[in-house]
């Protein structure tokens, strides 16, 4: 089994690099200056206590440049706003029997993939990592770099899930094959609803009532939609004692994935597949979601206008109106 990591940034680079260190066959797909650096110098993967390495791995500019083989597993590690474009490339280049693993935040990517490929798997990503500069990725988790549970979409497990989980464990991750993987991903989505607030106003936003309100809206729309969600207690039990966020020498620890998008000036964020998922379900099931709609619009404006992460006051997180028609 070979792993084609589509989107070799913070998460994808860490997964691909550690799989390669564990002796698994890996190809990275990247673009721009990051691709150039990977080809020229290899992947510089930095870990706590100097446990990183520079890994010379094959790198392609697109799915079309990969010499696809029977049995390849494509790991999608791009942000949600890039999923459709990546899938459009994959459906042309990869064999239709290819298994796709969505190592992404949110819960919308798997359904998009299933429109194009018959074998789709969700991977719940709990992996503190950062894309520092072209060719350089840091993973902050210790002793395990993170938790990466996997299962078929929409439910169940198969031999690919068992093999992927085993390979991830060999690479140092905590990983299990879970038949109800989307319940875990919906719990993770509730946590990720705070990403927009932290990106706009910094970590002090975590104490804002707006973060709790956004999560409460999420809980309400999931209940209205009849969606099963892993309990907070089960999620805590899965995390306890597995890893802590440690220091990587010479690397400042920034915020999460949305913060990093603002810091890197990418011009886009994944809010549509996080806060936007709650807004969509609220509109479908008659549940007001003014906080998530405001946070979605606010962080998208931040990306368009090039705001520095954490540069706006917490007061900006409060919606200008609570009218449910907004």
C-alpha atoms as a PDB file:
ATOM      1  CA  UNK A   1       0.000   0.000   0.000  1.00  0.00           C
ATOM      2  CA  UNK A   2       1.330   3.411  -0.995  1.00  0.00           C
ATOM      3  CA  UNK A   3       0.090   6.674   0.502  1.00  0.00           C
ATOM      4  CA  UNK A   4      -0.427   9.641  -1.808  1.00  0.00           C
ATOM      5  CA  UNK A   5      -0.663  12.665   0.490  1.00  0.00           C
ATOM      6  CA  UNK A   6      -2.671  15.306  -1.343  1.00  0.00           C
ATOM      7  CA  UNK A   7      -1.849  18.533   0.457  1.00  0.00           C
ATOM      8  CA  UNK A   8       1.509  18.073   2.197  1.00  0.00           C
ATOM      9  CA  UNK A   9       1.249  21.055   4.544  1.00  0.00           C
ATOM     10  CA  UNK A  10       1.085  20.950   8.345  1.00  0.00           C
ATOM     11  CA  UNK A  11      -1.165  17.906   8.718  1.00  0.00           C
ATOM     12  CA  UNK A  12      -0.361  16.165   5.443  1.00  0.00           C
ATOM     13  CA  UNK A  13       3.362  16.746   5.765  1.00  0.00           C
ATOM     14  CA  UNK A  14       3.418  15.363   9.307  1.00  0.00           C
ATOM     15  CA  UNK A  15       1.396  12.283   8.359  1.00  0.00           C
ATOM     16  CA  UNK A  16       3.400  11.613   5.217  1.00  0.00           C
ATOM     17  CA  UNK A  17       6.746  12.271   6.832  1.00  0.00           C
ATOM     18  CA  UNK A  18       6.155  10.012   9.811  1.00  0.00           C
ATOM     19  CA  UNK A  19       4.702   7.245   7.640  1.00  0.00           C
ATOM     20  CA  UNK A  20       7.840   7.430   5.499  1.00  0.00           C
ATOM     21  CA  UNK A  21      10.057   7.296   8.589  1.00  0.00           C
ATOM     22  CA  UNK A  22       8.187   4.134   9.572  1.00  0.00           C
ATOM     23  CA  UNK A  23       9.119   2.560   6.235  1.00  0.00           C
ATOM     24  CA  UNK A  24       5.869   3.109   4.359  1.00  0.00           C
ATOM     25  CA  UNK A  25       5.812   4.149   0.709  1.00  0.00           C
ATOM     26  CA  UNK A  26       4.752   7.810   0.439  1.00  0.00           C
ATOM     27  CA  UNK A  27       4.294  10.387  -2.326  1.00  0.00           C
ATOM     28  CA  UNK A  28       3.598  14.026  -1.468  1.00  0.00           C
ATOM     29  CA  UNK A  29       1.441  16.350  -3.557  1.00  0.00           C
ATOM     30  CA  UNK A  30       2.106  20.059  -3.029  1.00  0.00           C
ATOM     31  CA  UNK A  31       2.309  23.281  -4.989  1.00  0.00           C
ATOM     32  CA  UNK A  32       4.233  26.509  -5.428  1.00  0.00           C
ATOM     33  CA  UNK A  33       7.271  27.308  -3.327  1.00  0.00           C
ATOM     34  CA  UNK A  34       6.487  24.447  -0.960  1.00  0.00           C
ATOM     35  CA  UNK A  35       6.717  21.951  -3.811  1.00  0.00           C
ATOM     36  CA  UNK A  36       9.977  23.498  -4.999  1.00  0.00           C
ATOM     37  CA  UNK A  37      11.471  23.195  -1.517  1.00  0.00           C
ATOM     38  CA  UNK A  38      10.318  19.580  -1.146  1.00  0.00           C
ATOM     39  CA  UNK A  39      11.972  18.690  -4.444  1.00  0.00           C
ATOM     40  CA  UNK A  40      15.167  20.643  -3.761  1.00  0.00           C
ATOM     41  CA  UNK A  41      15.784  19.891  -0.070  1.00  0.00           C
ATOM     42  CA  UNK A  42      13.236  17.336   1.094  1.00  0.00           C
ATOM     43  CA  UNK A  43      10.621  17.653   3.831  1.00  0.00           C
ATOM     44  CA  UNK A  44      12.062  19.251   6.978  1.00  0.00           C
ATOM     45  CA  UNK A  45       9.848  17.759   9.708  1.00  0.00           C
ATOM     46  CA  UNK A  46      10.539  19.188  13.158  1.00  0.00           C
ATOM     47  CA  UNK A  47       9.486  17.503  16.410  1.00  0.00           C
ATOM     48  CA  UNK A  48       9.869  18.163  20.136  1.00  0.00           C
ATOM     49  CA  UNK A  49      13.273  17.375  21.689  1.00  0.00           C
ATOM     50  CA  UNK A  50      14.982  17.512  18.322  1.00  0.00           C
ATOM     51  CA  UNK A  51      13.208  14.390  17.092  1.00  0.00           C
ATOM     52  CA  UNK A  52      12.681  15.601  13.547  1.00  0.00           C
ATOM     53  CA  UNK A  53      14.388  14.785  10.269  1.00  0.00           C
ATOM     54  CA  UNK A  54      14.843  15.967   6.711  1.00  0.00           C
ATOM     55  CA  UNK A  55      13.144  13.428   4.464  1.00  0.00           C
ATOM     56  CA  UNK A  56      13.815  13.189   0.716  1.00  0.00           C
ATOM     57  CA  UNK A  57      10.393  12.112  -0.548  1.00  0.00           C
ATOM     58  CA  UNK A  58       8.957  12.089  -4.061  1.00  0.00           C
ATOM     59  CA  UNK A  59       6.740  15.125  -4.633  1.00  0.00           C
ATOM     60  CA  UNK A  60       4.254  15.917  -7.391  1.00  0.00           C
ATOM     61  CA  UNK A  61       2.539  19.161  -8.388  1.00  0.00           C
ATOM     62  CA  UNK A  62      -0.872  17.548  -8.863  1.00  0.00           C
ATOM     63  CA  UNK A  63      -2.719  14.243  -8.841  1.00  0.00           C
ATOM     64  CA  UNK A  64      -2.105  14.075 -12.591  1.00  0.00           C
ATOM     65  CA  UNK A  65       1.669  13.870 -12.037  1.00  0.00           C
ATOM     66  CA  UNK A  66       1.400  10.801  -9.783  1.00  0.00           C
ATOM     67  CA  UNK A  67       2.039   7.367 -11.326  1.00  0.00           C
ATOM     68  CA  UNK A  68      -1.026   5.830  -9.757  1.00  0.00           C
ATOM     69  CA  UNK A  69      -0.836   2.155  -8.832  1.00  0.00           C
ATOM     70  CA  UNK A  70      -3.387  -0.446  -7.844  1.00  0.00           C
ATOM     71  CA  UNK A  71      -3.794  -0.314  -4.071  1.00  0.00           C
ATOM     72  CA  UNK A  72      -2.763   3.324  -3.624  1.00  0.00           C
ATOM     73  CA  UNK A  73      -4.541   5.214  -0.841  1.00  0.00           C
ATOM     74  CA  UNK A  74      -5.100   8.936  -1.391  1.00  0.00           C
ATOM     75  CA  UNK A  75      -4.999  10.964   1.827  1.00  0.00           C
ATOM     76  CA  UNK A  76      -6.756  14.305   1.365  1.00  0.00           C
ATOM     77  CA  UNK A  77      -5.120  16.825   3.711  1.00  0.00           C
ATOM     78  CA  UNK A  78      -6.181  20.077   2.046  1.00  0.00           C
ATOM     79  CA  UNK A  79      -8.520  22.528   3.752  1.00  0.00           C
ATOM     80  CA  UNK A  80     -12.201  22.261   2.992  1.00  0.00           C
ATOM     81  CA  UNK A  81     -12.338  25.186   0.577  1.00  0.00           C
ATOM     82  CA  UNK A  82      -9.918  23.323  -1.704  1.00  0.00           C
ATOM     83  CA  UNK A  83     -11.617  19.923  -1.618  1.00  0.00           C
ATOM     84  CA  UNK A  84     -13.730  20.177  -4.763  1.00  0.00           C
ATOM     85  CA  UNK A  85     -10.823  21.290  -6.966  1.00  0.00           C
ATOM     86  CA  UNK A  86      -8.644  18.464  -5.633  1.00  0.00           C
ATOM     87  CA  UNK A  87     -11.386  15.890  -6.189  1.00  0.00           C
ATOM     88  CA  UNK A  88     -11.871  17.130  -9.750  1.00  0.00           C
ATOM     89  CA  UNK A  89      -8.180  16.417 -10.377  1.00  0.00           C
ATOM     90  CA  UNK A  90      -8.276  13.053  -8.623  1.00  0.00           C
ATOM     91  CA  UNK A  91     -11.279  11.729 -10.503  1.00  0.00           C
ATOM     92  CA  UNK A  92      -9.396  12.227 -13.780  1.00  0.00           C
ATOM     93  CA  UNK A  93      -6.038  10.886 -12.590  1.00  0.00           C
ATOM     94  CA  UNK A  94      -6.659   8.180  -9.992  1.00  0.00           C
ATOM     95  CA  UNK A  95      -8.212   4.751 -10.677  1.00  0.00           C
ATOM     96  CA  UNK A  96     -11.901   4.629  -9.688  1.00  0.00           C
ATOM     97  CA  UNK A  97     -11.206   1.862  -7.135  1.00  0.00           C
ATOM     98  CA  UNK A  98      -8.794   4.146  -5.214  1.00  0.00           C
ATOM     99  CA  UNK A  99      -9.568   4.517  -1.512  1.00  0.00           C
ATOM    100  CA  UNK A 100      -9.767   8.152  -0.330  1.00  0.00           C
ATOM    101  CA  UNK A 101      -9.069   9.082   3.302  1.00  0.00           C
ATOM    102  CA  UNK A 102     -10.312  12.556   4.267  1.00  0.00           C
ATOM    103  CA  UNK A 103      -7.816  13.818   6.860  1.00  0.00           C
ATOM    104  CA  UNK A 104      -9.655  17.126   7.129  1.00  0.00           C
ATOM    105  CA  UNK A 105     -11.630  19.225   9.570  1.00  0.00           C
ATOM    106  CA  UNK A 106     -15.370  19.393   9.098  1.00  0.00           C
ATOM    107  CA  UNK A 107     -17.869  16.760   7.990  1.00  0.00           C
ATOM    108  CA  UNK A 108     -18.707  17.815   4.416  1.00  0.00           C
ATOM    109  CA  UNK A 109     -15.627  16.549   2.593  1.00  0.00           C
ATOM    110  CA  UNK A 110     -16.498  12.862   2.774  1.00  0.00           C
ATOM    111  CA  UNK A 111     -19.849  13.311   1.015  1.00  0.00           C
ATOM    112  CA  UNK A 112     -18.158  15.315  -1.732  1.00  0.00           C
ATOM    113  CA  UNK A 113     -15.616  12.532  -2.188  1.00  0.00           C
ATOM    114  CA  UNK A 114     -18.295   9.835  -2.250  1.00  0.00           C
ATOM    115  CA  UNK A 115     -19.906  11.476  -5.280  1.00  0.00           C
ATOM    116  CA  UNK A 116     -16.727  10.670  -7.190  1.00  0.00           C
ATOM    117  CA  UNK A 117     -15.211   7.562  -5.545  1.00  0.00           C
ATOM    118  CA  UNK A 118     -16.872   4.470  -4.094  1.00  0.00           C
ATOM    119  CA  UNK A 119     -14.364   3.935  -1.271  1.00  0.00           C
ATOM    120  CA  UNK A 120     -14.228   6.887   1.114  1.00  0.00           C
ATOM    121  CA  UNK A 121     -12.960   7.013   4.688  1.00  0.00           C
ATOM    122  CA  UNK A 122     -13.139   9.685   7.337  1.00  0.00           C
ATOM    123  CA  UNK A 123     -10.125  10.428   9.484  1.00  0.00           C
ATOM    124  CA  UNK A 124     -10.614  12.427  12.692  1.00  0.00           C
ATOM    125  CA  UNK A 125      -7.574  14.688  12.969  1.00  0.00           C
ATOM    126  CA  UNK A 126      -6.263  15.673  16.380  1.00  0.00           C
ATOM    127  CA  UNK A 127      -2.788  16.775  15.349  1.00  0.00           C
ATOM    128  CA  UNK A 128      -1.150  20.028  16.522  1.00  0.00           C
ATOM    129  CA  UNK A 129       1.115  21.022  13.649  1.00  0.00           C
ATOM    130  CA  UNK A 130       2.180  24.056  11.638  1.00  0.00           C
ATOM    131  CA  UNK A 131       3.459  24.766   8.136  1.00  0.00           C
ATOM    132  CA  UNK A 132       6.308  27.148   8.960  1.00  0.00           C
ATOM    133  CA  UNK A 133       7.765  27.990   5.555  1.00  0.00           C
ATOM    134  CA  UNK A 134       8.268  26.247   2.198  1.00  0.00           C
ATOM    135  CA  UNK A 135       9.527  22.748   2.896  1.00  0.00           C
ATOM    136  CA  UNK A 136       9.303  23.035   6.696  1.00  0.00           C
ATOM    137  CA  UNK A 137       6.619  21.540   8.953  1.00  0.00           C
ATOM    138  CA  UNK A 138       6.517  21.300  12.751  1.00  0.00           C
ATOM    139  CA  UNK A 139       4.522  18.764  14.793  1.00  0.00           C
ATOM    140  CA  UNK A 140       4.058  19.709  18.453  1.00  0.00           C
ATOM    141  CA  UNK A 141       2.433  16.575  19.919  1.00  0.00           C
ATOM    142  CA  UNK A 142       4.401  14.512  22.444  1.00  0.00           C
ATOM    143  CA  UNK A 143       4.883  11.621  23.061  1.00  0.00           C
ATOM    144  CA  UNK A 144       2.453  10.741  20.254  1.00  0.00           C
ATOM    145  CA  UNK A 145       2.266  13.376  17.517  1.00  0.00           C
ATOM    146  CA  UNK A 146      -1.517  13.100  17.542  1.00  0.00           C
ATOM    147  CA  UNK A 147      -4.642  10.947  17.353  1.00  0.00           C
ATOM    148  CA  UNK A 148      -5.816   9.812  13.914  1.00  0.00           C
ATOM    149  CA  UNK A 149      -8.814   7.484  14.097  1.00  0.00           C
ATOM    150  CA  UNK A 150     -10.253   6.231  10.815  1.00  0.00           C
ATOM    151  CA  UNK A 151     -13.382   4.537   9.473  1.00  0.00           C
ATOM    152  CA  UNK A 152     -15.440   4.129   6.321  1.00  0.00           C
ATOM    153  CA  UNK A 153     -17.898   6.791   5.283  1.00  0.00           C
ATOM    154  CA  UNK A 154     -20.730   6.901   6.138  1.00  0.00           C
ATOM    155  CA  UNK A 155     -20.097   4.067   8.615  1.00  0.00           C
ATOM    156  CA  UNK A 156     -18.333   0.772   9.139  1.00  0.00           C
ATOM    157  CA  UNK A 157     -14.743  -0.390   8.816  1.00  0.00           C
ATOM    158  CA  UNK A 158     -12.894  -2.573   6.335  1.00  0.00           C
ATOM    159  CA  UNK A 159      -9.429  -4.025   5.786  1.00  0.00           C
ATOM    160  CA  UNK A 160      -8.138  -0.702   4.485  1.00  0.00           C
ATOM    161  CA  UNK A 161      -9.132   1.008   7.738  1.00  0.00           C
ATOM    162  CA  UNK A 162      -7.357  -1.689   9.738  1.00  0.00           C
ATOM    163  CA  UNK A 163      -4.235  -1.374   7.608  1.00  0.00           C
ATOM    164  CA  UNK A 164      -4.231   2.428   7.713  1.00  0.00           C
ATOM    165  CA  UNK A 165      -4.660   2.441  11.501  1.00  0.00           C
ATOM    166  CA  UNK A 166      -1.841  -0.086  11.890  1.00  0.00           C
ATOM    167  CA  UNK A 167       0.484   1.951   9.668  1.00  0.00           C
ATOM    168  CA  UNK A 168      -0.334   5.134  11.579  1.00  0.00           C
ATOM    169  CA  UNK A 169       0.424   3.403  14.873  1.00  0.00           C
ATOM    170  CA  UNK A 170       3.745   2.237  13.439  1.00  0.00           C
ATOM    171  CA  UNK A 171       4.419   5.901  12.602  1.00  0.00           C
ATOM    172  CA  UNK A 172       3.848   6.875  16.249  1.00  0.00           C
ATOM    173  CA  UNK A 173       0.258   8.092  16.123  1.00  0.00           C
ATOM    174  CA  UNK A 174      -2.569   6.858  18.287  1.00  0.00           C
ATOM    175  CA  UNK A 175      -4.984   5.345  15.765  1.00  0.00           C
ATOM    176  CA  UNK A 176      -7.989   3.044  15.803  1.00  0.00           C
ATOM    177  CA  UNK A 177     -10.410   1.832  13.145  1.00  0.00           C
ATOM    178  CA  UNK A 178     -13.819   3.115  14.298  1.00  0.00           C
ATOM    179  CA  UNK A 179     -17.090   2.128  12.606  1.00  0.00           C
ATOM    180  CA  UNK A 180     -18.817   5.348  13.716  1.00  0.00           C
ATOM    181  CA  UNK A 181     -16.011   7.697  12.727  1.00  0.00           C
ATOM    182  CA  UNK A 182     -18.392  10.517  11.771  1.00  0.00           C
ATOM    183  CA  UNK A 183     -19.690  10.780  15.341  1.00  0.00           C
ATOM    184  CA  UNK A 184     -16.113  11.626  16.360  1.00  0.00           C
ATOM    185  CA  UNK A 185     -15.748  14.069  13.469  1.00  0.00           C
ATOM    186  CA  UNK A 186     -18.954  15.870  14.457  1.00  0.00           C
ATOM    187  CA  UNK A 187     -17.594  16.288  17.994  1.00  0.00           C
ATOM    188  CA  UNK A 188     -14.356  17.656  16.532  1.00  0.00           C
ATOM    189  CA  UNK A 189     -16.416  20.059  14.401  1.00  0.00           C
ATOM    190  CA  UNK A 190     -18.002  21.488  17.555  1.00  0.00           C
ATOM    191  CA  UNK A 191     -14.503  22.219  18.840  1.00  0.00           C
ATOM    192  CA  UNK A 192     -13.435  23.745  15.516  1.00  0.00           C
ATOM    193  CA  UNK A 193     -16.289  26.280  15.642  1.00  0.00           C
ATOM    194  CA  UNK A 194     -13.949  28.357  17.843  1.00  0.00           C
ATOM    195  CA  UNK A 195     -11.282  28.517  15.098  1.00  0.00           C
ATOM    196  CA  UNK A 196     -12.735  31.625  13.486  1.00  0.00           C
ATOM    197  CA  UNK A 197     -12.935  33.517  16.786  1.00  0.00           C
ATOM    198  CA  UNK A 198      -9.354  32.666  17.734  1.00  0.00           C
ATOM    199  CA  UNK A 199      -8.078  33.591  14.268  1.00  0.00           C
ATOM    200  CA  UNK A 200      -9.722  37.016  14.478  1.00  0.00           C
ATOM    201  CA  UNK A 201      -9.154  37.896  18.155  1.00  0.00           C
ATOM    202  CA  UNK A 202      -6.465  35.576  19.516  1.00  0.00           C
ATOM    203  CA  UNK A 203      -6.614  32.982  22.273  1.00  0.00           C
ATOM    204  CA  UNK A 204      -8.438  35.340  24.636  1.00  0.00           C
ATOM    205  CA  UNK A 205     -11.436  34.719  22.385  1.00  0.00           C
ATOM    206  CA  UNK A 206     -11.717  31.268  23.979  1.00  0.00           C
ATOM    207  CA  UNK A 207     -13.111  33.011  27.084  1.00  0.00           C
ATOM    208  CA  UNK A 208     -15.695  34.905  25.041  1.00  0.00           C
ATOM    209  CA  UNK A 209     -19.320  33.827  25.475  1.00  0.00           C
ATOM    210  CA  UNK A 210     -19.515  33.803  21.686  1.00  0.00           C
ATOM    211  CA  UNK A 211     -17.395  30.625  21.547  1.00  0.00           C
ATOM    212  CA  UNK A 212     -19.782  28.841  23.873  1.00  0.00           C
ATOM    213  CA  UNK A 213     -22.748  30.221  21.930  1.00  0.00           C
ATOM    214  CA  UNK A 214     -21.333  28.930  18.647  1.00  0.00           C
ATOM    215  CA  UNK A 215     -20.938  25.435  20.128  1.00  0.00           C
ATOM    216  CA  UNK A 216     -24.456  25.568  21.589  1.00  0.00           C
ATOM    217  CA  UNK A 217     -25.845  26.395  18.146  1.00  0.00           C
ATOM    218  CA  UNK A 218     -23.929  23.423  16.772  1.00  0.00           C
ATOM    219  CA  UNK A 219     -25.349  21.076  19.388  1.00  0.00           C
ATOM    220  CA  UNK A 220     -28.843  22.377  18.632  1.00  0.00           C
ATOM    221  CA  UNK A 221     -28.649  21.881  14.874  1.00  0.00           C
ATOM    222  CA  UNK A 222     -27.157  18.391  15.220  1.00  0.00           C
ATOM    223  CA  UNK A 223     -30.020  17.440  17.527  1.00  0.00           C
ATOM    224  CA  UNK A 224     -32.593  18.902  15.125  1.00  0.00           C
ATOM    225  CA  UNK A 225     -31.015  17.031  12.225  1.00  0.00           C
ATOM    226  CA  UNK A 226     -30.876  13.738  14.159  1.00  0.00           C
ATOM    227  CA  UNK A 227     -27.081  13.524  13.842  1.00  0.00           C
ATOM    228  CA  UNK A 228     -25.228  11.327  16.323  1.00  0.00           C
ATOM    229  CA  UNK A 229     -22.305  13.079  18.007  1.00  0.00           C
ATOM    230  CA  UNK A 230     -19.684  11.555  20.282  1.00  0.00           C
ATOM    231  CA  UNK A 231     -20.105  12.810  23.831  1.00  0.00           C
ATOM    232  CA  UNK A 232     -17.646  15.255  25.340  1.00  0.00           C
ATOM    233  CA  UNK A 233     -16.832  12.602  27.944  1.00  0.00           C
ATOM    234  CA  UNK A 234     -15.970  10.004  25.299  1.00  0.00           C
ATOM    235  CA  UNK A 235     -13.859  12.535  23.434  1.00  0.00           C
ATOM    236  CA  UNK A 236     -11.956  13.447  26.608  1.00  0.00           C
ATOM    237  CA  UNK A 237     -11.362   9.784  27.414  1.00  0.00           C
ATOM    238  CA  UNK A 238      -9.901   9.227  23.934  1.00  0.00           C
ATOM    239  CA  UNK A 239      -7.495  12.138  24.340  1.00  0.00           C
ATOM    240  CA  UNK A 240      -6.409  11.722  27.959  1.00  0.00           C
ATOM    241  CA  UNK A 241      -2.766  10.795  28.351  1.00  0.00           C
ATOM    242  CA  UNK A 242      -2.133  10.345  24.619  1.00  0.00           C
ATOM    243  CA  UNK A 243      -0.255  13.544  23.868  1.00  0.00           C
ATOM    244  CA  UNK A 244       0.456  17.032  25.101  1.00  0.00           C
ATOM    245  CA  UNK A 245       1.491  20.094  23.127  1.00  0.00           C
ATOM    246  CA  UNK A 246       5.238  20.440  23.605  1.00  0.00           C
ATOM    247  CA  UNK A 247       7.825  22.941  22.427  1.00  0.00           C
ATOM    248  CA  UNK A 248       9.755  22.517  19.214  1.00  0.00           C
ATOM    249  CA  UNK A 249      13.111  24.232  19.503  1.00  0.00           C
ATOM    250  CA  UNK A 250      13.181  27.568  17.725  1.00  0.00           C
ATOM    251  CA  UNK A 251       9.569  27.319  16.582  1.00  0.00           C
ATOM    252  CA  UNK A 252       6.911  29.654  18.040  1.00  0.00           C
ATOM    253  CA  UNK A 253       3.566  27.994  18.610  1.00  0.00           C
ATOM    254  CA  UNK A 254       0.826  29.903  16.791  1.00  0.00           C
ATOM    255  CA  UNK A 255      -2.873  29.191  16.613  1.00  0.00           C
ATOM    256  CA  UNK A 256      -4.878  26.499  14.839  1.00  0.00           C
ATOM    257  CA  UNK A 257      -5.505  25.920  11.157  1.00  0.00           C
ATOM    258  CA  UNK A 258      -7.609  29.056  10.551  1.00  0.00           C
ATOM    259  CA  UNK A 259      -5.113  31.238  12.435  1.00  0.00           C
ATOM    260  CA  UNK A 260      -2.357  29.799  10.272  1.00  0.00           C
ATOM    261  CA  UNK A 261      -4.280  30.608   7.087  1.00  0.00           C
ATOM    262  CA  UNK A 262      -4.464  34.266   8.126  1.00  0.00           C
ATOM    263  CA  UNK A 263      -0.813  34.291   9.196  1.00  0.00           C
ATOM    264  CA  UNK A 264       0.294  32.900   5.835  1.00  0.00           C
ATOM    265  CA  UNK A 265      -1.953  35.282   3.891  1.00  0.00           C
ATOM    266  CA  UNK A 266      -3.560  32.536   1.825  1.00  0.00           C
ATOM    267  CA  UNK A 267      -6.626  34.678   1.112  1.00  0.00           C
ATOM    268  CA  UNK A 268      -9.084  31.972   2.145  1.00  0.00           C
ATOM    269  CA  UNK A 269     -10.145  30.038   5.232  1.00  0.00           C
ATOM    270  CA  UNK A 270     -12.144  26.867   5.858  1.00  0.00           C
ATOM    271  CA  UNK A 271     -14.990  28.574   7.720  1.00  0.00           C
ATOM    272  CA  UNK A 272     -17.604  27.439   5.185  1.00  0.00           C
ATOM    273  CA  UNK A 273     -17.001  23.807   6.133  1.00  0.00           C
ATOM    274  CA  UNK A 274     -16.896  24.588   9.882  1.00  0.00           C
ATOM    275  CA  UNK A 275     -19.200  27.398  11.017  1.00  0.00           C
ATOM    276  CA  UNK A 276     -20.888  27.237   7.615  1.00  0.00           C
ATOM    277  CA  UNK A 277     -21.904  23.617   8.201  1.00  0.00           C
ATOM    278  CA  UNK A 278     -23.837  24.703  11.303  1.00  0.00           C
ATOM    279  CA  UNK A 279     -25.432  27.558   9.373  1.00  0.00           C
ATOM    280  CA  UNK A 280     -26.489  25.194   6.585  1.00  0.00           C
ATOM    281  CA  UNK A 281     -28.041  22.664   8.953  1.00  0.00           C
ATOM    282  CA  UNK A 282     -29.746  25.452  10.884  1.00  0.00           C
ATOM    283  CA  UNK A 283     -31.390  26.754   7.724  1.00  0.00           C
ATOM    284  CA  UNK A 284     -32.435  23.240   6.727  1.00  0.00           C
ATOM    285  CA  UNK A 285     -33.981  22.435  10.117  1.00  0.00           C
ATOM    286  CA  UNK A 286     -35.296  25.798  11.291  1.00  0.00           C
ATOM    287  CA  UNK A 287     -32.682  26.522  13.956  1.00  0.00           C
ATOM    288  CA  UNK A 288     -31.284  30.036  14.293  1.00  0.00           C
ATOM    289  CA  UNK A 289     -27.475  30.231  14.040  1.00  0.00           C
ATOM    290  CA  UNK A 290     -26.593  33.965  14.165  1.00  0.00           C
ATOM    291  CA  UNK A 291     -23.287  33.481  15.996  1.00  0.00           C
ATOM    292  CA  UNK A 292     -21.852  30.965  13.536  1.00  0.00           C
ATOM    293  CA  UNK A 293     -23.053  33.049  10.589  1.00  0.00           C
ATOM    294  CA  UNK A 294     -21.358  36.148  12.020  1.00  0.00           C
ATOM    295  CA  UNK A 295     -18.110  34.295  12.754  1.00  0.00           C
ATOM    296  CA  UNK A 296     -18.119  32.765   9.268  1.00  0.00           C
ATOM    297  CA  UNK A 297     -18.550  36.131   7.577  1.00  0.00           C
ATOM    298  CA  UNK A 298     -16.076  37.878   9.883  1.00  0.00           C
ATOM    299  CA  UNK A 299     -13.182  35.468   9.363  1.00  0.00           C
ATOM    300  CA  UNK A 300     -13.812  35.314   5.624  1.00  0.00           C
ATOM    301  CA  UNK A 301     -13.553  39.115   5.558  1.00  0.00           C
ATOM    302  CA  UNK A 302     -10.327  38.833   7.539  1.00  0.00           C
ATOM    303  CA  UNK A 303      -8.895  36.479   4.908  1.00  0.00           C
ATOM    304  CA  UNK A 304      -9.993  38.660   1.978  1.00  0.00           C
ATOM    305  CA  UNK A 305      -8.622  41.861   3.503  1.00  0.00           C
ATOM    306  CA  UNK A 306      -5.415  40.351   4.851  1.00  0.00           C
ATOM    307  CA  UNK A 307      -5.941  40.964   8.569  1.00  0.00           C
ATOM    308  CA  UNK A 308      -3.202  39.828  10.914  1.00  0.00           C
ATOM    309  CA  UNK A 309      -4.362  36.926  13.103  1.00  0.00           C
ATOM    310  CA  UNK A 310      -5.543  37.987  16.539  1.00  0.00           C
ATOM    311  CA  UNK A 311      -5.649  41.667  15.560  1.00  0.00           C
ATOM    312  CA  UNK A 312      -9.299  42.477  16.248  1.00  0.00           C
ATOM    313  CA  UNK A 313     -10.941  43.060  19.655  1.00  0.00           C
ATOM    314  CA  UNK A 314     -13.061  40.325  21.172  1.00  0.00           C
ATOM    315  CA  UNK A 315     -16.034  42.705  20.965  1.00  0.00           C
ATOM    316  CA  UNK A 316     -16.019  42.186  17.181  1.00  0.00           C
ATOM    317  CA  UNK A 317     -17.117  38.587  17.739  1.00  0.00           C
ATOM    318  CA  UNK A 318     -20.563  39.695  18.930  1.00  0.00           C
ATOM    319  CA  UNK A 319     -23.127  39.590  16.109  1.00  0.00           C
ATOM    320  CA  UNK A 320     -24.657  42.993  15.303  1.00  0.00           C
ATOM    321  CA  UNK A 321     -28.127  41.405  15.562  1.00  0.00           C
ATOM    322  CA  UNK A 322     -29.711  38.240  16.893  1.00  0.00           C
ATOM    323  CA  UNK A 323     -32.481  38.278  14.305  1.00  0.00           C
ATOM    324  CA  UNK A 324     -32.728  34.582  13.217  1.00  0.00           C
ATOM    325  CA  UNK A 325     -33.418  35.680   9.639  1.00  0.00           C
ATOM    326  CA  UNK A 326     -29.831  36.957   9.252  1.00  0.00           C
END
